[in-house]
Amino acid sequence: MRFFLLLLFLAIAPLAFAQNQLLDSLYKRVQDHPKQDTLRVVFLNELSLRIFKNQPDKSFRYAQEALLLAQRLAFLRGIGEAQNNLAVYHLMKGNAGVALQLGLEAIKIGERAHQAALLASSYSTVGTIYHNQLSYDKALYYLSLAQKLNQPVNNALVASKILNALGSIARDKEKYDSALIFYEKALLVMRDGKEEYRLPEVLNNIGVVYQRQNKRDLAMEYYFKALKAAEKSENKRGKALTLANIGNTFLSERKYKEAKEYLLQSLLLSKETGNKKSLSSGYMAMMQLENELGEFDEAHKYMVSYYDLKDSLLNAEKTRQIAELEIRFETEKKELAIQLLEHQNNIQQLKTNILVGMFIILTIASVVIYLLQRSRDKKNRHILNLEIDYLTSQHKELSEKFKNVLTGGDKTIESLDQRILRKAIEVVENNISDPLFGVERFGREMGMSRTNLHRKMKAIAGFPPSELIRSIRLRKAAALLLSQADSVSQISFAVGFEDQSYFSKSFKKQFGVPPSEYLGSIGQSAN
């Protein structure tokens, strides 16, 4: 098999020159054809597709231009192809929901225009999106549709994409022999169709299969083949992925110098292309490497970057879920439309029923979401209060614990979220008597921008920073009231409230009674 694939690689490698010629030709066609017509749309879409691997942002701009022009000309095929290109771009950027929506829009265009080639390409894109979301059944469904439609069209680019995706699904399911067969077929299709667009990606995936089979030498052989192919074709995305795999291999072997060299190169390229999934993996790998080297400050920086990016990807995941609900609605609407055509006498009644049903569903959903939000906020407030109490009561013990960690006496380390919340509480407590202490200063002392602080506090505590500050002030005030340390007005100043009326109002909202009655209410509860 190794000998066969080596011969195959040598047969495909010269295609890089032909691909560069194709790009030069496409650039020239776009420049030489300024006329705003359907032919320009075709050139723009083809150029957007061909430069995606090494110039994704430029690819995005060409696809946007093609989409706007195609919409103005009512050129359905051009609209669908542009949407499909944009779907691939947004998937790479981590916007899975947007990508899915665009891909399915392209499918609808393909069905309306009866374009088999567009449908095959769009189905393969949607299948790839679902594969990235680990929805294997949906991925296989769309990839099989793409494969069926592409057979008479015989588009090598689409065929290689389908086979590569099928190989990756088989690899994820640990069916390594099947995965290698799919990857071999992808290489053959590229050779026969004189396409090398996906060559680095497929060679890299073969390396991953061998890596998982503990065939380290074979894996590295294919990684370096993939790297060479990526450099020859200027495929930055494929190069970043391959460099990361080489770096991770060296990291697993504790060859830290080599690992760092390759991982940093991969991170740089991932940032350049904006590939969020690759960036996330890179930050995690660098965090592990710096941690093993004992560079804990550097490891912490990569950890912060990883979690910031993770938050972004989670938001994208929510968008994907919303998009899936919208797609389900579109599918149901399409089925209803078929029924309406078959029963034309009932069209108006069916429309009315659908609208009423949708209104009822939306009303019920709105009420349920509102109640769930109220319940979640209540639970978050309770959890935050417990966390503040716990962290405050354990401050001395945990300080000693962290001293032991720094000196190597204790290996237990808090999670990043716990550490951030602890620091936040300490910062607020240190400034509790300062009425001017607000979110801006809070962010500076935490070493975060206002936006990052807001997002992080919402993620950890369930509340924005301003509410966290107010909650800590009020809980401190409650403790002082219980100890009868001073008068209500002096206590309000001591915890940073200049306006006693606002203090009383906030205190009552937090504890259910005004500060003057708080001690008595606690006594009654005890009785």
Protein backbone atom coordinates (compact mmCIF):
# COMPACT_ATOMS: atom_id res chain seq x y z
CA MET A 1 0.00 0.00 0.00
CA ARG A 2 2.84 2.41 0.85
CA PHE A 3 4.48 1.82 -2.51
CA PHE A 4 1.18 2.32 -4.31
CA LEU A 5 0.43 5.59 -2.54
CA LEU A 6 3.97 6.82 -3.10
CA LEU A 7 3.60 6.29 -6.86
CA LEU A 8 0.23 7.99 -6.68
CA PHE A 9 1.73 10.99 -4.91
CA LEU A 10 4.49 11.28 -7.50
CA ALA A 11 1.88 11.18 -10.26
CA ILE A 12 -0.23 13.93 -8.65
CA ALA A 13 2.55 16.28 -7.49
CA PRO A 14 3.15 17.92 -10.92
CA LEU A 15 -0.47 19.05 -10.95
CA ALA A 16 0.49 22.00 -8.71
CA PHE A 17 1.97 23.75 -11.73
CA ALA A 18 -1.24 23.26 -13.70
CA GLN A 19 -3.27 24.58 -10.76
CA ASN A 20 -1.17 27.75 -10.57
CA GLN A 21 -1.72 28.24 -14.29
CA LEU A 22 -5.46 27.85 -13.74
CA LEU A 23 -5.42 30.51 -11.01
CA ASP A 24 -3.48 32.91 -13.21
CA SER A 25 -6.02 32.31 -15.98
CA LEU A 26 -8.97 32.96 -13.64
CA TYR A 27 -7.44 36.18 -12.30
CA LYS A 28 -6.91 37.36 -15.89
CA ARG A 29 -10.49 36.49 -16.87
CA VAL A 30 -11.91 38.47 -13.96
CA GLN A 31 -9.69 41.46 -14.77
CA ASP A 32 -10.41 41.31 -18.51
CA HIS A 33 -14.17 40.93 -18.07
CA PRO A 34 -15.46 43.98 -16.15
CA LYS A 35 -18.93 43.66 -17.69
CA GLN A 36 -21.52 42.99 -14.99
CA ASP A 37 -23.08 39.87 -16.48
CA THR A 38 -23.56 36.17 -15.68
CA LEU A 39 -20.17 35.26 -17.16
CA ARG A 40 -18.44 37.49 -14.62
CA VAL A 41 -20.43 35.74 -11.86
CA VAL A 42 -19.13 32.37 -13.10
CA PHE A 43 -15.51 33.63 -13.12
CA LEU A 44 -15.84 35.17 -9.63
CA ASN A 45 -17.32 32.00 -8.13
CA GLU A 46 -14.66 29.76 -9.67
CA LEU A 47 -11.87 32.06 -8.46
CA SER A 48 -13.42 32.23 -4.96
CA LEU A 49 -13.45 28.43 -4.82
CA ARG A 50 -9.88 27.99 -6.08
CA ILE A 51 -8.16 30.46 -3.73
CA PHE A 52 -10.05 29.49 -0.57
CA LYS A 53 -7.31 27.23 0.81
CA ASN A 54 -4.61 29.91 0.75
CA GLN A 55 -6.52 33.23 0.71
CA PRO A 56 -9.84 32.65 2.53
CA ASP A 57 -10.63 36.33 3.15
CA LYS A 58 -10.03 37.21 -0.49
CA SER A 59 -12.13 34.18 -1.46
CA PHE A 60 -14.92 35.54 0.75
CA ARG A 61 -14.82 38.93 -1.01
CA TYR A 62 -15.06 37.34 -4.47
CA ALA A 63 -17.98 35.17 -3.33
CA GLN A 64 -19.78 38.21 -1.89
CA GLU A 65 -19.28 40.13 -5.12
CA ALA A 66 -20.56 37.14 -7.12
CA LEU A 67 -23.61 36.80 -4.86
CA LEU A 68 -24.60 40.47 -5.11
CA LEU A 69 -24.17 40.51 -8.89
CA ALA A 70 -26.03 37.19 -9.35
CA GLN A 71 -28.93 38.43 -7.20
CA ARG A 72 -29.12 41.63 -9.25
CA LEU A 73 -29.21 39.56 -12.45
CA ALA A 74 -31.58 36.93 -10.95
CA PHE A 75 -28.97 34.33 -12.00
CA LEU A 76 -30.01 31.33 -9.85
CA ARG A 77 -26.99 29.09 -10.49
CA GLY A 78 -24.63 31.95 -9.67
CA ILE A 79 -26.50 32.71 -6.43
CA GLY A 80 -26.34 29.06 -5.36
CA GLU A 81 -22.62 28.69 -6.15
CA ALA A 82 -21.79 31.90 -4.27
CA GLN A 83 -23.83 30.75 -1.26
CA ASN A 84 -22.05 27.41 -1.32
CA ASN A 85 -18.63 29.13 -1.35
CA LEU A 86 -19.68 31.39 1.52
CA ALA A 87 -20.91 28.36 3.48
CA VAL A 88 -17.43 26.78 3.25
CA TYR A 89 -15.84 30.06 4.38
CA HIS A 90 -18.11 30.43 7.43
CA LEU A 91 -17.53 26.81 8.42
CA MET A 92 -13.78 27.48 8.48
CA LYS A 93 -14.40 30.60 10.58
CA GLY A 94 -16.33 28.57 13.15
CA ASN A 95 -19.76 29.98 12.21
CA ALA A 96 -21.40 26.59 11.75
CA GLY A 97 -24.96 27.93 11.97
CA VAL A 98 -24.39 30.53 9.26
CA ALA A 99 -22.60 27.94 7.12
CA LEU A 100 -25.47 25.48 7.41
CA GLN A 101 -28.05 28.10 6.55
CA LEU A 102 -26.12 29.18 3.44
CA GLY A 103 -25.54 25.57 2.37
CA LEU A 104 -29.22 24.72 2.61
CA GLU A 105 -30.14 27.90 0.75
CA ALA A 106 -27.79 26.76 -2.03
CA ILE A 107 -29.57 23.38 -2.09
CA LYS A 108 -32.95 25.10 -2.49
CA ILE A 109 -31.55 27.18 -5.36
CA GLY A 110 -30.20 24.02 -6.99
CA GLU A 111 -33.59 22.34 -6.75
CA ARG A 112 -35.39 25.36 -8.20
CA ALA A 113 -32.91 25.71 -11.07
CA HIS A 114 -32.63 21.92 -11.62
CA GLN A 115 -28.82 22.19 -11.44
CA ALA A 116 -27.37 18.73 -10.67
CA ALA A 117 -23.79 20.03 -10.41
CA LEU A 118 -24.79 22.76 -7.94
CA LEU A 119 -26.84 20.30 -5.91
CA ALA A 120 -23.97 17.79 -5.74
CA SER A 121 -21.56 20.50 -4.55
CA SER A 122 -24.06 21.92 -2.02
CA TYR A 123 -24.99 18.50 -0.65
CA SER A 124 -21.30 17.71 -0.14
CA THR A 125 -20.80 21.04 1.69
CA VAL A 126 -23.77 20.45 4.01
CA GLY A 127 -22.54 16.89 4.63
CA THR A 128 -19.12 18.28 5.59
CA ILE A 129 -20.74 20.80 7.95
CA TYR A 130 -22.68 18.04 9.72
CA HIS A 131 -19.50 15.94 9.91
CA ASN A 132 -17.74 18.83 11.65
CA GLN A 133 -20.64 18.93 14.13
CA LEU A 134 -20.26 15.14 14.62
CA SER A 135 -23.79 14.54 13.28
CA TYR A 136 -22.68 11.47 11.34
CA ASP A 137 -26.10 10.22 10.21
CA LYS A 138 -27.00 13.58 8.66
CA ALA A 139 -23.51 13.88 7.19
CA LEU A 140 -23.76 10.47 5.52
CA TYR A 141 -27.25 11.25 4.22
CA TYR A 142 -26.14 14.43 2.43
CA LEU A 143 -22.84 12.95 1.24
CA SER A 144 -24.66 9.97 -0.31
CA LEU A 145 -27.01 12.37 -2.13
CA ALA A 146 -23.99 14.33 -3.36
CA GLN A 147 -22.26 11.17 -4.55
CA LYS A 148 -25.32 10.00 -6.47
CA LEU A 149 -25.81 13.36 -8.18
CA ASN A 150 -22.11 13.80 -8.97
CA GLN A 151 -21.71 10.48 -10.80
CA PRO A 152 -23.16 11.69 -14.14
CA VAL A 153 -21.54 15.15 -13.70
CA ASN A 154 -18.15 13.60 -12.82
CA ASN A 155 -16.76 16.69 -11.08
CA ALA A 156 -13.37 15.63 -9.67
CA LEU A 157 -13.29 18.48 -7.13
CA VAL A 158 -16.66 17.50 -5.64
CA ALA A 159 -15.86 13.76 -5.81
CA SER A 160 -12.60 14.22 -3.89
CA LYS A 161 -14.41 16.31 -1.28
CA ILE A 162 -17.06 13.61 -0.79
CA LEU A 163 -14.51 10.78 -0.57
CA ASN A 164 -12.33 12.76 1.83
CA ALA A 165 -15.32 13.44 4.09
CA LEU A 166 -16.41 9.77 3.99
CA GLY A 167 -12.86 8.75 4.88
CA SER A 168 -12.83 11.14 7.84
CA ILE A 169 -16.16 9.78 9.12
CA ALA A 170 -14.80 6.22 8.89
CA ARG A 171 -11.64 7.39 10.69
CA ASP A 172 -13.68 8.99 13.49
CA LYS A 173 -15.53 5.70 13.91
CA GLU A 174 -12.16 3.87 14.07
CA LYS A 175 -12.83 1.99 10.82
CA TYR A 176 -9.29 2.65 9.65
CA ASP A 177 -9.15 0.23 6.71
CA SER A 178 -12.31 1.79 5.25
CA ALA A 179 -10.91 5.26 5.86
CA LEU A 180 -7.74 4.46 3.92
CA ILE A 181 -9.78 3.06 1.01
CA PHE A 182 -11.80 6.29 0.79
CA TYR A 183 -8.63 8.41 0.94
CA GLU A 184 -6.97 6.28 -1.79
CA LYS A 185 -10.04 6.78 -3.99
CA ALA A 186 -9.86 10.53 -3.37
CA LEU A 187 -6.23 10.55 -4.51
CA LEU A 188 -7.12 8.56 -7.64
CA VAL A 189 -9.98 10.91 -8.49
CA MET A 190 -7.65 13.89 -8.15
CA ARG A 191 -5.08 12.23 -10.39
CA ASP A 192 -7.61 11.26 -13.07
CA GLY A 193 -9.32 14.66 -12.94
CA LYS A 194 -6.01 16.53 -12.84
CA GLU A 195 -7.01 18.19 -9.56
CA GLU A 196 -4.66 18.76 -6.62
CA TYR A 197 -6.89 21.19 -4.70
CA ARG A 198 -7.46 18.79 -1.79
CA LEU A 199 -4.17 16.87 -1.98
CA PRO A 200 -2.51 18.19 1.24
CA GLU A 201 -5.70 17.56 3.21
CA VAL A 202 -6.06 13.94 2.04
CA LEU A 203 -2.36 13.10 2.59
CA ASN A 204 -2.57 14.64 6.05
CA ASN A 205 -5.66 12.55 6.86
CA ILE A 206 -3.82 9.38 5.81
CA GLY A 207 -1.10 10.38 8.26
CA VAL A 208 -3.70 10.78 11.03
CA VAL A 209 -5.01 7.26 10.37
CA TYR A 210 -1.50 5.81 10.68
CA GLN A 211 -0.91 7.90 13.81
CA ARG A 212 -3.99 6.39 15.43
CA GLN A 213 -2.77 2.93 14.48
CA ASN A 214 0.49 3.71 16.32
CA LYS A 215 2.44 3.61 13.06
CA ARG A 216 4.48 6.68 13.87
CA ASP A 217 6.99 6.50 11.01
CA LEU A 218 4.28 6.06 8.36
CA ALA A 219 2.27 8.90 9.89
CA MET A 220 5.24 11.29 9.81
CA GLU A 221 6.03 10.23 6.23
CA TYR A 222 2.57 11.29 5.09
CA TYR A 223 2.59 14.45 7.20
CA PHE A 224 5.74 15.62 5.45
CA LYS A 225 4.28 14.65 2.05
CA ALA A 226 1.23 16.74 2.93
CA LEU A 227 3.47 19.61 4.05
CA LYS A 228 5.41 19.52 0.78
CA ALA A 229 2.18 19.45 -1.25
CA ALA A 230 0.73 22.36 0.77
CA GLU A 231 3.86 24.46 0.26
CA LYS A 232 3.90 23.70 -3.47
CA SER A 233 0.25 24.70 -3.90
CA GLU A 234 0.47 27.54 -1.33
CA ASN A 235 -2.35 25.90 0.62
CA LYS A 236 -2.07 27.75 3.95
CA ARG A 237 -4.99 25.97 5.57
CA GLY A 238 -3.62 22.51 4.74
CA LYS A 239 -0.14 23.58 5.82
CA ALA A 240 -1.39 24.81 9.21
CA LEU A 241 -3.22 21.53 9.82
CA THR A 242 -0.19 19.44 8.86
CA LEU A 243 2.25 21.51 10.96
CA ALA A 244 -0.07 21.05 13.95
CA ASN A 245 -0.10 17.26 13.51
CA ILE A 246 3.69 17.13 13.21
CA GLY A 247 4.04 19.34 16.29
CA ASN A 248 1.62 17.20 18.31
CA THR A 249 3.54 14.08 17.31
CA PHE A 250 6.79 15.60 18.62
CA LEU A 251 4.96 16.77 21.75
CA SER A 252 3.75 13.23 22.48
CA GLU A 253 7.40 12.12 22.20
CA ARG A 254 8.52 14.92 24.57
CA LYS A 255 10.63 16.49 21.83
CA TYR A 256 9.66 19.94 23.04
CA LYS A 257 11.97 22.05 20.88
CA GLU A 258 10.74 20.49 17.63
CA ALA A 259 7.12 20.49 18.85
CA LYS A 260 7.23 24.19 19.69
CA GLU A 261 8.72 25.09 16.32
CA TYR A 262 5.96 23.34 14.35
CA LEU A 263 3.09 24.32 16.65
CA LEU A 264 4.00 28.01 16.57
CA GLN A 265 4.16 27.93 12.76
CA SER A 266 0.74 26.27 12.70
CA LEU A 267 -0.72 28.88 15.08
CA LEU A 268 0.62 31.71 12.95
CA LEU A 269 -0.96 30.30 9.79
CA SER A 270 -4.23 29.53 11.60
CA LYS A 271 -4.44 33.15 12.75
CA GLU A 272 -3.68 34.33 9.23
CA THR A 273 -6.46 32.21 7.71
CA GLY A 274 -8.84 32.69 10.65
CA ASN A 275 -9.47 28.95 11.07
CA LYS A 276 -11.05 28.86 14.55
CA LYS A 277 -11.07 25.09 14.91
CA SER A 278 -7.37 24.89 14.07
CA LEU A 279 -6.64 27.84 16.38
CA SER A 280 -8.46 26.20 19.27
CA SER A 281 -6.45 22.98 18.86
CA GLY A 282 -3.24 25.00 18.56
CA TYR A 283 -3.85 26.93 21.78
CA MET A 284 -4.59 23.70 23.64
CA ALA A 285 -1.41 22.05 22.33
CA MET A 286 0.75 25.07 23.23
CA MET A 287 -0.84 25.21 26.69
CA GLN A 288 0.12 21.56 27.24
CA LEU A 289 3.65 22.12 25.90
CA GLU A 290 4.35 25.20 28.07
CA ASN A 291 2.89 23.45 31.08
CA GLU A 292 5.18 20.46 30.60
CA LEU A 293 8.13 22.84 30.21
CA GLY A 294 7.20 24.51 33.51
CA GLU A 295 6.38 27.83 31.79
CA PHE A 296 3.15 28.30 33.72
CA ASP A 297 2.62 31.98 32.85
CA GLU A 298 2.85 31.20 29.14
CA ALA A 299 0.60 28.16 29.62
CA HIS A 300 -1.94 30.40 31.33
CA LYS A 301 -1.91 32.85 28.42
CA TYR A 302 -2.66 30.06 25.97
CA MET A 303 -5.37 28.76 28.29
CA VAL A 304 -7.06 32.18 28.36
CA SER A 305 -6.88 32.36 24.55
CA TYR A 306 -8.31 28.84 24.31
CA TYR A 307 -11.28 29.63 26.56
CA ASP A 308 -11.97 32.94 24.82
CA LEU A 309 -12.08 31.09 21.50
CA LYS A 310 -14.12 28.29 23.05
CA ASP A 311 -16.74 30.86 24.13
CA SER A 312 -16.89 32.08 20.54
CA LEU A 313 -17.32 28.54 19.21
CA LEU A 314 -20.05 27.86 21.73
CA ASN A 315 -21.92 30.92 20.49
CA ALA A 316 -21.54 29.55 16.99
CA GLU A 317 -22.95 26.26 18.25
CA LYS A 318 -26.05 28.05 19.53
CA THR A 319 -26.42 29.69 16.13
CA ARG A 320 -26.19 26.26 14.53
CA GLN A 321 -29.02 24.97 16.73
CA ILE A 322 -31.19 27.92 15.78
CA ALA A 323 -30.38 27.35 12.13
CA GLU A 324 -31.38 23.69 12.43
CA LEU A 325 -34.75 24.72 13.86
CA GLU A 326 -35.20 27.09 10.94
CA ILE A 327 -34.26 24.35 8.48
CA ARG A 328 -36.75 21.97 10.09
CA PHE A 329 -39.41 24.62 9.68
CA GLU A 330 -38.47 25.12 6.04
CA THR A 331 -38.71 21.36 5.44
CA GLU A 332 -42.14 21.17 7.05
CA LYS A 333 -43.25 24.20 5.04
CA LYS A 334 -42.07 22.52 1.84
CA GLU A 335 -44.07 19.37 2.66
CA LEU A 336 -47.13 21.48 3.38
CA ALA A 337 -46.64 23.31 0.09
CA ILE A 338 -46.85 19.96 -1.76
CA GLN A 339 -50.09 19.14 0.04
CA LEU A 340 -51.47 22.56 -0.81
CA LEU A 341 -50.81 21.98 -4.53
CA GLU A 342 -52.65 18.63 -4.35
CA HIS A 343 -55.65 20.09 -2.49
CA GLN A 344 -56.15 23.52 -4.01
CA ASN A 345 -59.68 23.87 -2.65
CA ASN A 346 -58.29 23.90 0.91
CA ILE A 347 -55.40 26.33 0.31
CA GLN A 348 -56.76 29.25 2.30
CA GLN A 349 -57.87 27.11 5.21
CA LEU A 350 -54.52 25.33 5.38
CA LYS A 351 -52.65 28.66 5.37
CA THR A 352 -54.84 29.90 8.19
CA ASN A 353 -54.26 26.72 10.20
CA ILE A 354 -50.50 26.95 9.68
CA LEU A 355 -50.39 30.60 10.79
CA VAL A 356 -52.52 29.88 13.86
CA GLY A 357 -50.38 26.85 14.73
CA MET A 358 -47.20 28.85 14.33
CA PHE A 359 -48.59 31.64 16.52
CA ILE A 360 -49.56 29.17 19.25
CA ILE A 361 -46.19 27.41 19.10
CA LEU A 362 -44.30 30.73 19.21
CA THR A 363 -46.46 31.93 22.10
CA ILE A 364 -45.91 28.73 24.10
CA ALA A 365 -42.20 28.75 23.27
CA SER A 366 -41.90 32.39 24.37
CA VAL A 367 -43.59 31.65 27.72
CA VAL A 368 -41.45 28.56 28.31
CA ILE A 369 -38.24 30.43 27.43
CA TYR A 370 -39.23 33.30 29.74
CA LEU A 371 -39.91 30.93 32.65
CA LEU A 372 -36.70 28.98 32.03
CA GLN A 373 -34.72 32.24 31.93
CA ARG A 374 -36.21 33.37 35.24
CA SER A 375 -35.47 30.00 36.80
CA ARG A 376 -31.90 30.00 35.45
CA ASP A 377 -31.23 33.53 36.76
CA LYS A 378 -32.55 32.54 40.18
CA LYS A 379 -30.34 29.44 40.28
CA ASN A 380 -27.32 31.40 39.05
CA ARG A 381 -27.81 33.99 41.79
CA HIS A 382 -28.01 31.27 44.43
CA ILE A 383 -24.95 29.46 43.06
CA LEU A 384 -22.99 32.72 42.88
CA ASN A 385 -23.82 33.54 46.50
CA LEU A 386 -22.71 30.08 47.60
CA GLU A 387 -19.51 30.42 45.58
CA ILE A 388 -18.74 33.81 47.14
CA ASP A 389 -19.34 32.44 50.65
CA TYR A 390 -17.22 29.40 50.01
CA LEU A 391 -14.33 31.25 48.41
CA THR A 392 -14.34 33.89 51.15
CA SER A 393 -14.41 31.35 53.99
CA GLN A 394 -11.68 29.25 52.40
CA HIS A 395 -9.42 32.19 51.44
CA LYS A 396 -6.72 31.50 54.00
CA GLU A 397 -6.63 27.76 53.37
CA LEU A 398 -6.49 28.20 49.60
CA SER A 399 -3.74 30.82 49.87
CA GLU A 400 -1.60 28.22 51.60
CA LYS A 401 -2.59 25.70 48.96
CA PHE A 402 -1.42 27.94 46.15
CA LYS A 403 1.86 28.57 47.96
CA ASN A 404 2.36 24.82 48.07
CA VAL A 405 1.56 24.57 44.34
CA LEU A 406 4.16 27.19 43.49
CA THR A 407 6.77 25.37 45.57
CA GLY A 408 5.76 21.98 44.18
CA GLY A 409 4.23 20.69 47.44
CA ASP A 410 0.69 20.29 46.16
CA LYS A 411 -0.29 19.24 42.65
CA THR A 412 -3.99 20.19 42.98
CA ILE A 413 -4.74 23.18 40.79
CA GLU A 414 -8.03 24.97 40.45
CA SER A 415 -9.79 25.25 37.14
CA LEU A 416 -9.31 28.44 35.16
CA ASP A 417 -12.90 29.55 35.85
CA GLN A 418 -12.46 29.08 39.62
CA ARG A 419 -9.21 31.02 39.52
CA ILE A 420 -10.79 33.88 37.57
CA LEU A 421 -13.83 34.05 39.90
CA ARG A 422 -11.56 33.98 42.97
CA LYS A 423 -9.48 36.84 41.61
CA ALA A 424 -12.64 38.78 40.73
CA ILE A 425 -13.97 38.46 44.29
CA GLU A 426 -10.62 39.49 45.77
CA VAL A 427 -10.40 42.55 43.48
CA VAL A 428 -13.91 43.69 44.45
CA GLU A 429 -13.27 43.10 48.18
CA ASN A 430 -10.03 45.08 48.00
CA ASN A 431 -11.93 48.03 46.54
CA ILE A 432 -15.21 47.55 48.37
CA SER A 433 -15.21 50.93 50.16
CA ASP A 434 -14.39 52.91 47.01
CA PRO A 435 -17.66 54.22 45.49
CA LEU A 436 -15.84 55.03 42.24
CA PHE A 437 -14.79 51.43 41.72
CA GLY A 438 -16.72 50.23 38.65
CA VAL A 439 -16.53 47.90 35.68
CA GLU A 440 -13.74 49.86 33.92
CA ARG A 441 -11.35 49.59 36.90
CA PHE A 442 -12.53 46.08 37.56
CA GLY A 443 -11.47 45.10 34.04
CA ARG A 444 -8.07 46.80 34.34
CA GLU A 445 -7.27 45.06 37.61
CA MET A 446 -8.39 41.74 36.15
CA GLY A 447 -6.19 42.33 33.07
CA MET A 448 -9.18 42.09 30.72
CA SER A 449 -11.02 44.40 28.35
CA ARG A 450 -14.51 45.48 29.38
CA THR A 451 -16.01 43.18 26.71
CA ASN A 452 -13.96 40.12 27.73
CA LEU A 453 -14.69 40.74 31.42
CA HIS A 454 -18.42 40.97 30.73
CA ARG A 455 -18.41 37.77 28.66
CA LYS A 456 -16.27 35.85 31.17
CA MET A 457 -18.31 36.88 34.24
CA LYS A 458 -21.55 36.01 32.43
CA ALA A 459 -20.14 32.60 31.51
CA ILE A 460 -18.77 31.81 35.00
CA ALA A 461 -21.26 33.46 37.39
CA GLY A 462 -24.30 34.01 35.17
CA PHE A 463 -24.25 37.78 35.85
CA PRO A 464 -22.53 40.84 34.38
CA PRO A 465 -19.57 42.40 36.28
CA SER A 466 -21.67 45.31 37.61
CA GLU A 467 -24.09 42.90 39.30
CA LEU A 468 -21.21 40.85 40.72
CA ILE A 469 -19.74 44.03 42.29
CA ARG A 470 -23.14 45.00 43.73
CA SER A 471 -23.76 41.47 45.07
CA ILE A 472 -20.40 41.33 46.89
CA ARG A 473 -20.94 44.83 48.37
CA LEU A 474 -24.41 43.88 49.63
CA ARG A 475 -23.28 40.55 51.11
CA LYS A 476 -20.49 42.39 52.94
CA ALA A 477 -23.05 44.89 54.19
CA ALA A 478 -25.27 42.04 55.41
CA ALA A 479 -22.35 40.54 57.34
CA LEU A 480 -21.60 43.91 58.97
CA LEU A 481 -25.27 44.35 59.90
CA LEU A 482 -25.33 40.90 61.50
CA SER A 483 -22.26 41.75 63.59
CA GLN A 484 -23.82 45.14 64.46
CA ALA A 485 -20.51 46.70 63.51
CA ASP A 486 -21.98 50.17 62.84
CA SER A 487 -25.04 52.11 61.86
CA VAL A 488 -26.82 51.44 58.56
CA SER A 489 -25.61 54.69 57.00
CA GLN A 490 -21.98 54.10 58.01
CA ILE A 491 -22.12 50.51 56.75
CA SER A 492 -23.50 51.70 53.40
CA PHE A 493 -20.51 54.06 53.05
CA ALA A 494 -18.13 51.30 54.16
CA VAL A 495 -19.23 49.05 51.29
CA GLY A 496 -19.09 51.79 48.63
CA PHE A 497 -22.66 53.16 48.48
CA GLU A 498 -22.76 56.96 48.57
CA ASP A 499 -26.55 57.14 48.21
CA GLN A 500 -28.21 55.57 51.28
CA SER A 501 -31.60 55.45 49.54
CA TYR A 502 -30.11 53.46 46.64
CA PHE A 503 -28.33 51.23 49.17
CA SER A 504 -31.60 50.45 50.98
CA LYS A 505 -33.40 49.79 47.69
CA SER A 506 -30.63 47.46 46.44
CA PHE A 507 -30.40 45.68 49.79
CA LYS A 508 -34.14 45.01 49.87
CA LYS A 509 -34.04 43.68 46.31
CA GLN A 510 -31.19 41.29 47.29
CA PHE A 511 -32.46 40.09 50.69
CA GLY A 512 -36.20 40.85 50.68
CA VAL A 513 -36.08 43.31 53.59
CA PRO A 514 -34.54 46.78 54.10
CA PRO A 515 -31.21 46.93 55.97
CA SER A 516 -32.82 48.32 59.12
CA GLU A 517 -34.99 45.17 59.43
CA TYR A 518 -32.39 42.64 58.29
CA LEU A 519 -31.09 41.63 61.74
CA GLY A 520 -34.64 41.15 63.03
CA SER A 521 -35.63 39.06 60.01
CA ILE A 522 -32.66 36.72 60.56
CA GLY A 523 -33.68 36.30 64.20
CA GLN A 524 -37.23 35.43 63.23
CA SER A 525 -35.98 32.88 60.69
CA ALA A 526 -33.85 31.24 63.38
CA ASN A 527 -36.83 31.05 65.77
